[in-house]
């Protein structure tokens, strides 16, 4: 097979009359490139998937679900939402559960009846869960036992109907059990859905201390899905698969090792499996030994996770004993991949090649991607993207910089969110004339390779999780003994960064690191709790304007 250059492959894949033909369009008043063949709604995507019928789709523990099984349950849930809970088009419906098959069928149901799916972070604690439900105005919430227990009495004060999934024992007053609400004969209600109707609200941590709900339309999610598929097609032309890779890819299978409430798990992995026809093997929770067992047993072809997960696989005591020859791609996103890890993946997996994507919740996970030989030769780059996504680099005033100059990375394309739910000021700050400001600093070289150099936002990227310092600082300041605090990231071999805090106690007060950590743990998800805590009695260093000098503090501990 002839190998094409990247520009040649893009031109071939996006040519007229192809699946990924690009045309000019006006999207919410902004001119941009779109895929001519974009389906009208996500519901249409599920209708196409229904043609696979009895083909196996989900594997969860000892359960095996066909495409027909998932869509039939989704139809029953959709009927329940509309007929029993009076959910109307545009209403928000939350999903608060770990990765269960019902998570997927619930998402299919919610989005197929024209409602807006609101996946809640399953690691959130009581106040965080309540905030997500209240802020989104969710009229219903499909919730598992763990999240229901976490909400406790708080659920009674929320104007939301709770439907329990995989629940055992007596349910709180007013909570309905999913199985008891479903009509075995019911099918998905008919509804008209437009491409620019809202379809998801995904919460992303905010620098103001409260998460922001990123709103996407059907067009945005579908554009991202097609872009991922198109970029894969380009990769097949620039680096044709070996016979072994082609044979493995004939029966594609993804392992779902990341949460479905994350944009990575939701869009490229779960929804991407509906597009590609891949089987989806779901993990109850991340465990590298279990992942290797499933990779071998289920002949997994694609592993997608944060880089720390790839590191965990290689470092596992059973790695050498497991057959990972079915893997053709080991990659993901959510954090930079150290060049040494890129090399180890390429060296230590038989047929598998390293890959990385640079996307955000706000881009529906799609952005530049790097894989295979390009990644090995450019291990510090996050790669290139299809022309459906425009990119530029600007100075602090928004002026476009020359090729190779470092500044803030901006995106424009139909895969972007339309804004933040009920946050017009945050929307106006982030989206300017159709361009989304990433808050990341980087450069783009003459070949289109993107290099992310630093973050403009006050954020710690811990194992693929965004931890915004202001949110953690707000929790720390609730402790009576705290005078002032600074939260920042420190380098960590496995996680990329760990959350650290330097805290000044009030005069005459004492406070241990353990007590402070426990205080934060009762208020925030565990991944936001500082793993390094320094307690001091002197005021933290500040600049002339009174701003705490976090870099100086961090450098003293690094």
Protein backbone atom coordinates (compact mmCIF):
# COMPACT_ATOMS: atom_id res chain seq x y z
CA UNK A 1 0.00 0.00 0.00
CA UNK A 2 1.29 3.45 -0.95
CA UNK A 3 2.22 5.67 1.96
CA UNK A 4 1.00 9.26 1.70
CA UNK A 5 2.27 12.40 3.39
CA UNK A 6 0.00 13.96 6.01
CA UNK A 7 -1.28 16.74 3.67
CA UNK A 8 -1.87 14.19 0.89
CA UNK A 9 -3.76 11.88 3.24
CA UNK A 10 -5.92 14.72 4.55
CA UNK A 11 -6.77 15.79 1.00
CA UNK A 12 -7.73 12.22 0.08
CA UNK A 13 -9.81 11.55 3.19
CA UNK A 14 -11.67 14.89 3.07
CA UNK A 15 -12.17 14.99 -0.70
CA UNK A 16 -15.61 15.67 -2.27
CA UNK A 17 -18.06 12.77 -2.26
CA UNK A 18 -16.22 10.98 0.56
CA UNK A 19 -17.49 10.20 4.07
CA UNK A 20 -15.43 13.08 5.46
CA UNK A 21 -16.08 15.70 2.77
CA UNK A 22 -15.69 19.19 4.18
CA UNK A 23 -18.01 22.05 3.22
CA UNK A 24 -18.44 25.65 4.36
CA UNK A 25 -21.31 26.34 6.75
CA UNK A 26 -22.63 28.92 9.18
CA UNK A 27 -22.86 27.51 12.71
CA UNK A 28 -24.56 29.80 15.22
CA UNK A 29 -23.48 32.79 13.15
CA UNK A 30 -19.85 31.68 12.76
CA UNK A 31 -18.47 30.56 9.36
CA UNK A 32 -16.53 27.29 9.58
CA UNK A 33 -15.83 23.96 7.93
CA UNK A 34 -18.23 21.08 8.69
CA UNK A 35 -18.53 17.49 7.51
CA UNK A 36 -21.12 17.34 4.73
CA UNK A 37 -22.34 13.96 5.97
CA UNK A 38 -22.87 14.86 9.63
CA UNK A 39 -25.98 13.02 10.90
CA UNK A 40 -28.84 15.30 12.02
CA UNK A 41 -28.71 14.11 15.65
CA UNK A 42 -27.14 11.59 17.98
CA UNK A 43 -30.39 9.65 17.79
CA UNK A 44 -29.67 9.05 14.10
CA UNK A 45 -26.29 7.63 15.13
CA UNK A 46 -28.01 5.10 17.41
CA UNK A 47 -30.46 4.24 14.64
CA UNK A 48 -27.51 3.37 12.41
CA UNK A 49 -25.96 1.28 15.19
CA UNK A 50 -29.21 -0.70 15.50
CA UNK A 51 -28.36 -2.35 12.16
CA UNK A 52 -25.74 -4.35 14.05
CA UNK A 53 -28.56 -6.08 15.92
CA UNK A 54 -27.35 -9.06 17.94
CA UNK A 55 -23.65 -8.27 17.58
CA UNK A 56 -21.96 -8.16 20.97
CA UNK A 57 -21.45 -4.59 22.14
CA UNK A 58 -20.86 -4.42 25.91
CA UNK A 59 -18.91 -6.69 28.21
CA UNK A 60 -19.23 -5.88 31.90
CA UNK A 61 -17.94 -8.35 34.48
CA UNK A 62 -19.87 -11.56 33.63
CA UNK A 63 -22.53 -9.69 31.62
CA UNK A 64 -22.61 -9.54 27.82
CA UNK A 65 -24.94 -7.12 26.04
CA UNK A 66 -25.66 -6.98 22.32
CA UNK A 67 -26.36 -3.73 20.50
CA UNK A 68 -30.03 -4.76 20.44
CA UNK A 69 -29.99 -5.32 24.23
CA UNK A 70 -28.60 -1.85 24.93
CA UNK A 71 -30.95 -0.07 22.51
CA UNK A 72 -33.99 -2.01 23.73
CA UNK A 73 -33.29 -1.00 27.33
CA UNK A 74 -32.66 2.57 26.15
CA UNK A 75 -36.06 2.55 24.45
CA UNK A 76 -37.75 1.47 27.67
CA UNK A 77 -35.89 4.14 29.66
CA UNK A 78 -36.81 6.77 27.05
CA UNK A 79 -40.48 5.82 27.33
CA UNK A 80 -40.24 5.97 31.12
CA UNK A 81 -38.70 9.44 31.03
CA UNK A 82 -41.38 10.83 28.72
CA UNK A 83 -44.48 8.95 29.91
CA UNK A 84 -43.83 8.57 33.64
CA UNK A 85 -41.55 11.47 34.53
CA UNK A 86 -42.91 13.96 31.96
CA UNK A 87 -39.45 14.79 30.64
CA UNK A 88 -39.78 17.17 27.69
CA UNK A 89 -37.40 18.15 24.91
CA UNK A 90 -34.66 20.39 26.33
CA UNK A 91 -35.12 19.21 29.93
CA UNK A 92 -31.94 18.24 31.73
CA UNK A 93 -31.56 14.71 33.10
CA UNK A 94 -28.54 13.80 35.21
CA UNK A 95 -26.62 10.54 35.33
CA UNK A 96 -24.85 9.89 38.63
CA UNK A 97 -23.31 6.45 38.65
CA UNK A 98 -20.13 4.51 38.06
CA UNK A 99 -19.50 2.84 34.71
CA UNK A 100 -22.47 0.48 34.40
CA UNK A 101 -24.22 -0.72 31.22
CA UNK A 102 -27.22 1.30 32.43
CA UNK A 103 -25.09 4.44 32.26
CA UNK A 104 -24.86 3.95 28.50
CA UNK A 105 -28.50 2.99 27.92
CA UNK A 106 -29.56 5.97 30.06
CA UNK A 107 -27.44 8.33 27.98
CA UNK A 108 -28.88 6.87 24.76
CA UNK A 109 -32.40 7.33 26.14
CA UNK A 110 -31.95 10.89 27.40
CA UNK A 111 -30.38 12.17 24.20
CA UNK A 112 -32.79 10.25 21.93
CA UNK A 113 -35.88 11.92 23.42
CA UNK A 114 -34.38 15.37 22.92
CA UNK A 115 -33.45 15.92 26.55
CA UNK A 116 -30.01 17.08 27.69
CA UNK A 117 -27.76 14.50 29.38
CA UNK A 118 -25.87 15.81 32.42
CA UNK A 119 -23.18 13.29 33.43
CA UNK A 120 -22.11 14.02 37.01
CA UNK A 121 -18.62 13.27 38.29
CA UNK A 122 -18.97 9.98 40.17
CA UNK A 123 -16.18 11.00 42.55
CA UNK A 124 -18.05 14.09 43.72
CA UNK A 125 -19.19 14.31 47.31
CA UNK A 126 -22.53 15.45 48.71
CA UNK A 127 -22.38 19.19 48.06
CA UNK A 128 -20.75 18.75 44.64
CA UNK A 129 -23.43 16.30 43.48
CA UNK A 130 -26.20 18.54 44.77
CA UNK A 131 -24.62 21.53 43.02
CA UNK A 132 -24.52 19.72 39.66
CA UNK A 133 -28.17 18.70 39.91
CA UNK A 134 -29.31 22.14 41.06
CA UNK A 135 -27.13 24.20 38.72
CA UNK A 136 -28.21 22.23 35.64
CA UNK A 137 -31.86 22.33 36.70
CA UNK A 138 -32.10 18.56 36.24
CA UNK A 139 -35.70 17.37 36.47
CA UNK A 140 -34.61 13.75 36.90
CA UNK A 141 -31.49 11.86 37.89
CA UNK A 142 -30.61 8.23 37.23
CA UNK A 143 -28.41 7.33 40.18
CA UNK A 144 -26.67 4.29 41.67
CA UNK A 145 -26.59 3.25 45.33
CA UNK A 146 -23.21 4.82 46.12
CA UNK A 147 -24.14 8.26 44.82
CA UNK A 148 -27.61 8.03 46.41
CA UNK A 149 -26.02 7.28 49.79
CA UNK A 150 -23.65 10.19 49.32
CA UNK A 151 -26.52 12.59 48.68
CA UNK A 152 -28.35 11.32 51.76
CA UNK A 153 -30.96 13.73 53.11
CA UNK A 154 -29.81 16.37 50.63
CA UNK A 155 -31.81 14.57 47.93
CA UNK A 156 -35.06 15.53 49.66
CA UNK A 157 -34.34 19.24 49.24
CA UNK A 158 -33.69 18.99 45.49
CA UNK A 159 -36.45 19.57 42.96
CA UNK A 160 -35.52 16.43 41.06
CA UNK A 161 -36.95 12.92 40.65
CA UNK A 162 -34.41 10.24 41.52
CA UNK A 163 -34.45 6.86 39.77
CA UNK A 164 -32.22 4.25 41.41
CA UNK A 165 -30.10 1.93 39.26
CA UNK A 166 -28.73 -1.40 40.55
CA UNK A 167 -30.00 -0.48 43.99
CA UNK A 168 -30.35 -2.93 46.85
CA UNK A 169 -32.35 -2.69 50.05
CA UNK A 170 -34.89 -0.08 51.06
CA UNK A 171 -34.88 3.13 49.07
CA UNK A 172 -35.30 6.63 50.55
CA UNK A 173 -38.75 8.20 50.32
CA UNK A 174 -39.62 9.38 46.84
CA UNK A 175 -36.83 7.47 45.09
CA UNK A 176 -38.08 5.16 42.36
CA UNK A 177 -36.43 1.90 41.27
CA UNK A 178 -35.59 1.77 37.56
CA UNK A 179 -36.67 -1.85 37.05
CA UNK A 180 -40.11 -1.16 38.53
CA UNK A 181 -40.71 1.78 36.18
CA UNK A 182 -39.80 0.07 32.92
CA UNK A 183 -42.43 -1.34 30.58
CA UNK A 184 -40.98 -4.40 28.82
CA UNK A 185 -43.00 -3.59 25.67
CA UNK A 186 -42.15 0.12 25.50
CA UNK A 187 -40.07 1.62 22.69
CA UNK A 188 -38.34 4.96 22.18
CA UNK A 189 -40.85 7.83 21.77
CA UNK A 190 -40.64 9.81 18.54
CA UNK A 191 -39.24 13.34 18.75
CA UNK A 192 -37.89 15.91 16.30
CA UNK A 193 -34.30 16.91 17.08
CA UNK A 194 -32.34 19.66 15.31
CA UNK A 195 -28.53 19.63 14.85
CA UNK A 196 -28.06 22.69 17.06
CA UNK A 197 -30.31 21.52 19.90
CA UNK A 198 -28.44 21.03 23.18
CA UNK A 199 -27.46 17.43 23.96
CA UNK A 200 -24.97 17.41 26.88
CA UNK A 201 -23.80 19.48 29.81
CA UNK A 202 -20.41 18.29 31.06
CA UNK A 203 -19.08 19.91 34.20
CA UNK A 204 -15.51 21.13 34.19
CA UNK A 205 -13.80 22.59 37.23
CA UNK A 206 -13.83 26.35 37.38
CA UNK A 207 -11.15 28.76 38.53
CA UNK A 208 -13.79 30.55 40.60
CA UNK A 209 -14.16 27.47 42.80
CA UNK A 210 -17.39 26.12 41.26
CA UNK A 211 -17.57 23.79 38.24
CA UNK A 212 -18.94 25.19 34.98
CA UNK A 213 -21.40 23.28 32.83
CA UNK A 214 -20.04 23.06 29.27
CA UNK A 215 -22.99 22.86 26.86
CA UNK A 216 -22.73 20.94 23.59
CA UNK A 217 -25.13 20.50 20.71
CA UNK A 218 -25.81 17.36 18.70
CA UNK A 219 -23.76 18.87 15.86
CA UNK A 220 -20.78 19.49 18.17
CA UNK A 221 -20.61 15.94 19.53
CA UNK A 222 -21.16 14.36 16.12
CA UNK A 223 -18.52 16.62 14.53
CA UNK A 224 -16.00 15.44 17.13
CA UNK A 225 -16.89 11.80 16.49
CA UNK A 226 -16.50 12.18 12.72
CA UNK A 227 -13.23 14.07 13.23
CA UNK A 228 -11.81 11.20 15.31
CA UNK A 229 -12.86 8.72 12.63
CA UNK A 230 -11.44 10.89 9.85
CA UNK A 231 -8.16 11.37 11.68
CA UNK A 232 -7.90 7.58 12.07
CA UNK A 233 -8.44 7.21 8.31
CA UNK A 234 -5.62 9.70 7.69
CA UNK A 235 -3.37 7.67 9.98
CA UNK A 236 -4.12 4.54 7.97
CA UNK A 237 -2.81 6.27 4.84
CA UNK A 238 0.28 7.89 6.35
CA UNK A 239 1.25 4.74 8.24
CA UNK A 240 -0.48 1.65 6.80
CA UNK A 241 -1.03 -1.12 9.36
CA UNK A 242 1.06 -4.28 9.36
CA UNK A 243 -0.64 -7.58 8.57
CA UNK A 244 -0.83 -8.37 12.29
CA UNK A 245 -2.33 -4.96 13.09
CA UNK A 246 -4.85 -5.24 10.25
CA UNK A 247 -5.91 -8.71 11.39
CA UNK A 248 -6.43 -7.52 14.99
CA UNK A 249 -8.32 -4.40 13.88
CA UNK A 250 -10.80 -6.51 11.92
CA UNK A 251 -12.55 -7.14 15.26
CA UNK A 252 -12.06 -3.84 17.11
CA UNK A 253 -12.49 -3.78 20.88
CA UNK A 254 -12.00 -0.86 23.28
CA UNK A 255 -11.44 -1.23 26.99
CA UNK A 256 -13.33 1.42 28.96
CA UNK A 257 -10.80 2.26 31.66
CA UNK A 258 -11.81 5.90 32.15
CA UNK A 259 -15.07 7.24 33.61
CA UNK A 260 -18.00 7.83 31.26
CA UNK A 261 -18.60 11.24 32.85
CA UNK A 262 -15.25 12.33 31.37
CA UNK A 263 -15.38 13.64 27.83
CA UNK A 264 -12.75 11.05 26.80
CA UNK A 265 -14.78 8.11 28.06
CA UNK A 266 -18.01 9.55 26.71
CA UNK A 267 -17.14 10.77 23.21
CA UNK A 268 -14.17 9.01 21.58
CA UNK A 269 -14.50 5.75 23.54
CA UNK A 270 -18.20 5.06 24.23
CA UNK A 271 -19.87 6.99 21.42
CA UNK A 272 -16.92 6.19 19.17
CA UNK A 273 -17.71 2.50 19.66
CA UNK A 274 -21.22 3.10 18.30
CA UNK A 275 -19.59 4.70 15.25
CA UNK A 276 -16.87 2.12 14.63
CA UNK A 277 -18.77 -1.03 15.57
CA UNK A 278 -16.19 -1.88 18.24
CA UNK A 279 -16.99 -3.95 21.29
CA UNK A 280 -16.73 -2.04 24.56
CA UNK A 281 -15.27 -3.86 27.55
CA UNK A 282 -16.12 -1.97 30.75
CA UNK A 283 -14.06 -2.05 33.92
CA UNK A 284 -15.67 -1.78 37.35
CA UNK A 285 -12.72 0.35 38.44
CA UNK A 286 -9.16 0.90 37.27
CA UNK A 287 -6.81 -1.92 38.17
CA UNK A 288 -3.82 -2.65 35.89
CA UNK A 289 -3.79 -6.39 36.69
CA UNK A 290 -7.47 -6.68 35.82
CA UNK A 291 -6.96 -4.55 32.70
CA UNK A 292 -4.21 -6.86 31.44
CA UNK A 293 -6.43 -9.87 32.11
CA UNK A 294 -9.25 -8.31 30.07
CA UNK A 295 -6.91 -7.23 27.27
CA UNK A 296 -5.78 -10.83 26.90
CA UNK A 297 -9.21 -12.47 27.36
CA UNK A 298 -11.23 -10.09 25.18
CA UNK A 299 -8.53 -9.42 22.57
CA UNK A 300 -8.63 -5.66 23.14
CA UNK A 301 -7.32 -3.64 20.19
CA UNK A 302 -7.48 -0.08 21.58
CA UNK A 303 -6.47 1.13 25.02
CA UNK A 304 -7.48 4.70 25.84
CA UNK A 305 -6.66 6.27 29.19
CA UNK A 306 -4.53 8.92 30.82
CA UNK A 307 -0.78 8.32 30.40
CA UNK A 308 -0.44 7.11 33.99
CA UNK A 309 -2.59 4.11 33.08
CA UNK A 310 -0.22 3.09 30.28
CA UNK A 311 2.61 3.44 32.78
CA UNK A 312 0.67 1.24 35.25
CA UNK A 313 0.28 -1.50 32.62
CA UNK A 314 3.97 -1.61 31.79
CA UNK A 315 4.96 -1.55 35.45
CA UNK A 316 2.52 -4.31 36.41
CA UNK A 317 4.15 -7.46 37.78
CA UNK A 318 2.12 -9.58 35.33
CA UNK A 319 2.81 -7.47 32.21
CA UNK A 320 5.41 -9.85 30.76
CA UNK A 321 3.15 -12.86 31.29
CA UNK A 322 0.09 -11.42 29.56
CA UNK A 323 -0.65 -11.60 25.85
CA UNK A 324 -1.09 -8.01 24.68
CA UNK A 325 -0.49 -8.76 21.00
CA UNK A 326 -4.07 -7.78 20.06
CA UNK A 327 -3.39 -4.14 21.01
CA UNK A 328 -2.74 -1.87 18.04
CA UNK A 329 -3.06 1.45 19.87
CA UNK A 330 -2.07 2.46 23.41
CA UNK A 331 -2.92 6.06 24.02
CA UNK A 332 -5.30 8.61 25.38
CA UNK A 333 -5.11 12.13 26.65
CA UNK A 334 -5.82 14.28 29.67
CA UNK A 335 -2.13 14.88 30.37
CA UNK A 336 1.18 15.08 28.52
CA UNK A 337 2.93 11.78 27.86
CA UNK A 338 6.60 11.87 28.92
CA UNK A 339 8.90 11.06 25.96
CA UNK A 340 10.36 8.13 27.91
CA UNK A 341 6.88 6.59 28.20
CA UNK A 342 6.32 7.03 24.44
CA UNK A 343 9.49 5.02 23.84
CA UNK A 344 8.58 2.33 26.37
CA UNK A 345 5.14 1.81 24.83
CA UNK A 346 6.66 1.50 21.38
CA UNK A 347 9.34 -0.91 22.62
CA UNK A 348 7.37 -3.09 25.04
CA UNK A 349 4.04 -3.70 23.29
CA UNK A 350 4.29 -6.11 20.37
CA UNK A 351 1.90 -4.61 17.80
CA UNK A 352 0.69 -1.62 19.77
CA UNK A 353 1.81 1.89 18.93
CA UNK A 354 1.73 4.93 21.23
CA UNK A 355 -0.85 7.65 20.75
CA UNK A 356 -1.93 10.91 22.37
CA UNK A 357 -4.68 13.44 21.82
CA UNK A 358 -4.95 17.03 22.99
CA UNK A 359 -8.58 17.85 23.57
CA UNK A 360 -10.73 19.48 26.20
CA UNK A 361 -14.25 19.15 27.52
CA UNK A 362 -14.87 22.33 25.52
CA UNK A 363 -13.75 20.65 22.26
CA UNK A 364 -15.62 17.39 22.92
CA UNK A 365 -12.18 15.78 23.32
CA UNK A 366 -11.18 16.35 19.69
CA UNK A 367 -7.95 18.15 18.92
CA UNK A 368 -4.50 17.46 17.52
CA UNK A 369 -3.49 13.80 17.71
CA UNK A 370 -0.12 12.13 17.54
CA UNK A 371 0.50 8.43 17.00
CA UNK A 372 2.86 5.82 15.67
CA UNK A 373 5.99 6.95 13.85
CA UNK A 374 5.02 10.63 14.12
CA UNK A 375 4.79 10.30 17.89
CA UNK A 376 8.10 8.46 18.16
CA UNK A 377 9.81 11.13 16.07
CA UNK A 378 7.96 14.04 17.77
CA UNK A 379 7.42 12.71 21.34
CA UNK A 380 7.02 16.19 22.81
CA UNK A 381 4.24 17.16 20.36
CA UNK A 382 0.54 16.47 20.65
CA UNK A 383 0.33 16.11 16.88
CA UNK A 384 -1.85 17.46 14.07
CA UNK A 385 -5.57 17.65 13.33
CA UNK A 386 -8.00 17.68 10.41
CA UNK A 387 -8.87 21.07 8.87
CA UNK A 388 -12.35 20.90 10.41
CA UNK A 389 -10.63 22.31 13.49
CA UNK A 390 -8.81 25.59 12.99
CA UNK A 391 -6.05 26.49 15.44
CA UNK A 392 -4.07 29.63 16.09
CA UNK A 393 -1.67 30.99 18.70
CA UNK A 394 -2.10 34.50 20.09
CA UNK A 395 -0.43 36.98 22.39
CA UNK A 396 -2.21 38.10 25.61
CA UNK A 397 -4.16 40.72 23.63
CA UNK A 398 -5.46 38.14 21.16
CA UNK A 399 -3.21 39.09 18.25
CA UNK A 400 -2.29 36.10 16.06
CA UNK A 401 1.38 35.15 16.30
CA UNK A 402 3.70 33.85 13.60
CA UNK A 403 4.39 30.15 13.07
CA UNK A 404 6.58 28.75 15.83
CA UNK A 405 5.96 31.57 18.30
CA UNK A 406 4.63 30.67 21.73
CA UNK A 407 1.33 32.04 23.02
CA UNK A 408 -2.16 30.97 23.96
CA UNK A 409 -3.73 28.23 21.84
CA UNK A 410 -7.18 29.02 20.35
CA UNK A 411 -9.59 26.64 18.58
CA UNK A 412 -12.46 27.10 16.12
CA UNK A 413 -14.70 24.38 14.73
CA UNK A 414 -18.17 22.79 14.87
CA UNK A 415 -17.06 20.45 17.69
CA UNK A 416 -16.78 23.28 20.21
CA UNK A 417 -19.24 23.85 23.03
CA UNK A 418 -21.77 26.62 22.55
CA UNK A 419 -21.04 28.06 25.99
CA UNK A 420 -21.28 27.50 29.72
CA UNK A 421 -24.67 26.81 31.28
CA UNK A 422 -26.07 29.99 32.83
CA UNK A 423 -22.60 31.60 32.78
CA UNK A 424 -22.70 34.33 30.11
CA UNK A 425 -19.62 36.09 31.50
CA UNK A 426 -17.54 32.90 31.51
CA UNK A 427 -18.77 32.13 28.00
CA UNK A 428 -17.81 35.58 26.72
CA UNK A 429 -14.39 35.28 28.34
CA UNK A 430 -13.67 31.85 26.79
CA UNK A 431 -15.36 32.07 23.37
CA UNK A 432 -14.39 35.13 21.30
CA UNK A 433 -15.88 35.55 17.80
CA UNK A 434 -16.36 31.80 17.55
CA UNK A 435 -12.82 31.02 18.76
CA UNK A 436 -12.31 29.15 22.03
CA UNK A 437 -9.43 30.25 24.21
CA UNK A 438 -7.82 27.12 25.65
CA UNK A 439 -5.89 28.75 28.47
CA UNK A 440 -2.92 26.63 27.37
CA UNK A 441 0.35 28.04 26.14
CA UNK A 442 2.07 26.48 23.15
CA UNK A 443 3.25 26.79 19.58
CA UNK A 444 2.52 25.30 16.15
CA UNK A 445 5.43 24.47 13.84
CA UNK A 446 5.61 24.79 10.06
CA UNK A 447 4.36 21.20 9.58
CA UNK A 448 1.29 21.75 11.77
CA UNK A 449 2.59 19.89 14.82
CA UNK A 450 1.20 21.40 18.02
CA UNK A 451 3.35 21.70 21.13
CA UNK A 452 1.67 22.44 24.46
CA UNK A 453 4.26 24.12 26.66
CA UNK A 454 2.47 25.32 29.81
CA UNK A 455 -0.89 26.24 31.25
CA UNK A 456 -2.12 29.77 31.64
CA UNK A 457 -4.81 28.61 34.04
CA UNK A 458 -4.20 28.11 37.75
CA UNK A 459 -4.72 24.38 37.56
CA UNK A 460 -3.11 21.08 38.56
CA UNK A 461 -3.39 18.23 36.06
CA UNK A 462 -3.35 15.13 38.29
CA UNK A 463 -3.51 11.87 36.36
CA UNK A 464 -5.81 13.38 33.75
CA UNK A 465 -8.03 15.11 36.34
CA UNK A 466 -8.28 18.91 36.27
CA UNK A 467 -7.87 20.25 39.81
CA UNK A 468 -8.44 23.98 39.99
CA UNK A 469 -6.48 25.52 42.81
CA UNK A 470 -9.13 28.08 43.73
CA UNK A 471 -11.65 25.32 44.51
CA UNK A 472 -9.24 23.49 46.83
CA UNK A 473 -8.12 26.75 48.45
CA UNK A 474 -11.77 27.64 49.10
CA UNK A 475 -12.22 24.34 50.97
CA UNK A 476 -9.02 24.84 52.96
CA UNK A 477 -10.08 28.35 54.00
CA UNK A 478 -13.19 26.87 55.62
CA UNK A 479 -10.97 25.44 58.37
CA UNK A 480 -11.05 27.68 61.45
CA UNK A 481 -7.28 27.44 61.99
CA UNK A 482 -6.25 28.55 58.50
CA UNK A 483 -4.99 32.09 57.92
CA UNK A 484 -3.98 31.79 54.24
CA UNK A 485 -3.27 29.04 51.73
CA UNK A 486 -1.68 28.37 48.37
CA UNK A 487 -2.49 25.27 46.29
CA UNK A 488 -0.27 24.28 43.38
CA UNK A 489 1.09 21.28 41.50
CA UNK A 490 4.32 19.39 42.07
CA UNK A 491 5.88 16.99 39.56
CA UNK A 492 4.91 13.35 40.15
CA UNK A 493 6.44 10.40 38.31
CA UNK A 494 3.20 8.46 37.82
CA UNK A 495 0.46 11.10 37.96
CA UNK A 496 2.26 13.87 36.12
CA UNK A 497 1.44 16.27 38.93
CA UNK A 498 0.25 15.92 42.50
CA UNK A 499 -1.79 18.46 44.44
CA UNK A 500 0.23 20.30 47.08
CA UNK A 501 -0.68 23.00 49.59
CA UNK A 502 1.24 25.41 51.75
CA UNK A 503 -0.92 26.67 54.61
CA UNK A 504 -0.28 29.39 57.16
CA UNK A 505 -2.13 28.84 60.43
CA UNK A 506 -3.57 31.66 62.52
CA UNK A 507 -1.37 32.92 65.37
CA UNK A 508 -1.62 30.60 68.36
CA UNK A 509 -3.30 27.81 66.34
CA UNK A 510 -1.92 24.38 65.50
CA UNK A 511 -2.92 22.14 62.60
CA UNK A 512 -1.54 18.87 61.29
CA UNK A 513 -1.31 17.94 57.62
CA UNK A 514 -3.49 14.89 58.30
CA UNK A 515 -6.23 16.99 59.92
CA UNK A 516 -6.24 19.41 57.01
CA UNK A 517 -6.43 16.59 54.47
CA UNK A 518 -9.38 15.07 56.31
CA UNK A 519 -11.08 18.47 56.38
CA UNK A 520 -10.74 18.81 52.58
CA UNK A 521 -11.77 15.18 52.02
CA UNK A 522 -15.19 15.83 53.59
CA UNK A 523 -15.81 18.64 51.10
CA UNK A 524 -14.22 17.60 47.81
CA UNK A 525 -13.56 14.51 45.74
CA UNK A 526 -10.55 12.51 46.90
CA UNK A 527 -8.39 13.38 43.86
CA UNK A 528 -8.57 17.05 44.87
CA UNK A 529 -7.19 16.43 48.39
CA UNK A 530 -3.58 17.69 48.62
CA UNK A 531 -1.16 14.78 48.97
CA UNK A 532 1.65 17.15 50.03
CA UNK A 533 0.88 19.64 52.80
CA UNK A 534 3.27 22.13 54.35
CA UNK A 535 2.09 23.92 57.50
CA UNK A 536 3.84 27.23 58.24
CA UNK A 537 3.46 30.06 60.74
CA UNK A 538 4.94 32.82 58.57
CA UNK A 539 3.00 34.74 55.93
CA UNK A 540 3.31 33.32 52.43
CA UNK A 541 5.53 35.24 49.96
CA UNK A 542 3.69 37.83 47.89
CA UNK A 543 4.46 40.24 45.06
CA UNK A 544 3.98 44.01 45.11
CA UNK A 545 0.27 43.68 44.29
CA UNK A 546 -0.27 41.25 47.16
CA UNK A 547 -0.59 38.11 45.04
CA UNK A 548 0.84 34.95 46.61
CA UNK A 549 3.95 33.80 44.74
CA UNK A 550 3.05 30.19 44.12
CA UNK A 551 5.98 29.55 41.80
CA UNK A 552 8.41 30.60 44.55
CA UNK A 553 6.69 28.31 47.04
CA UNK A 554 6.60 25.42 44.58
CA UNK A 555 10.26 25.82 43.60
CA UNK A 556 11.29 25.65 47.26
CA UNK A 557 9.62 22.23 47.59
CA UNK A 558 10.48 20.72 44.18
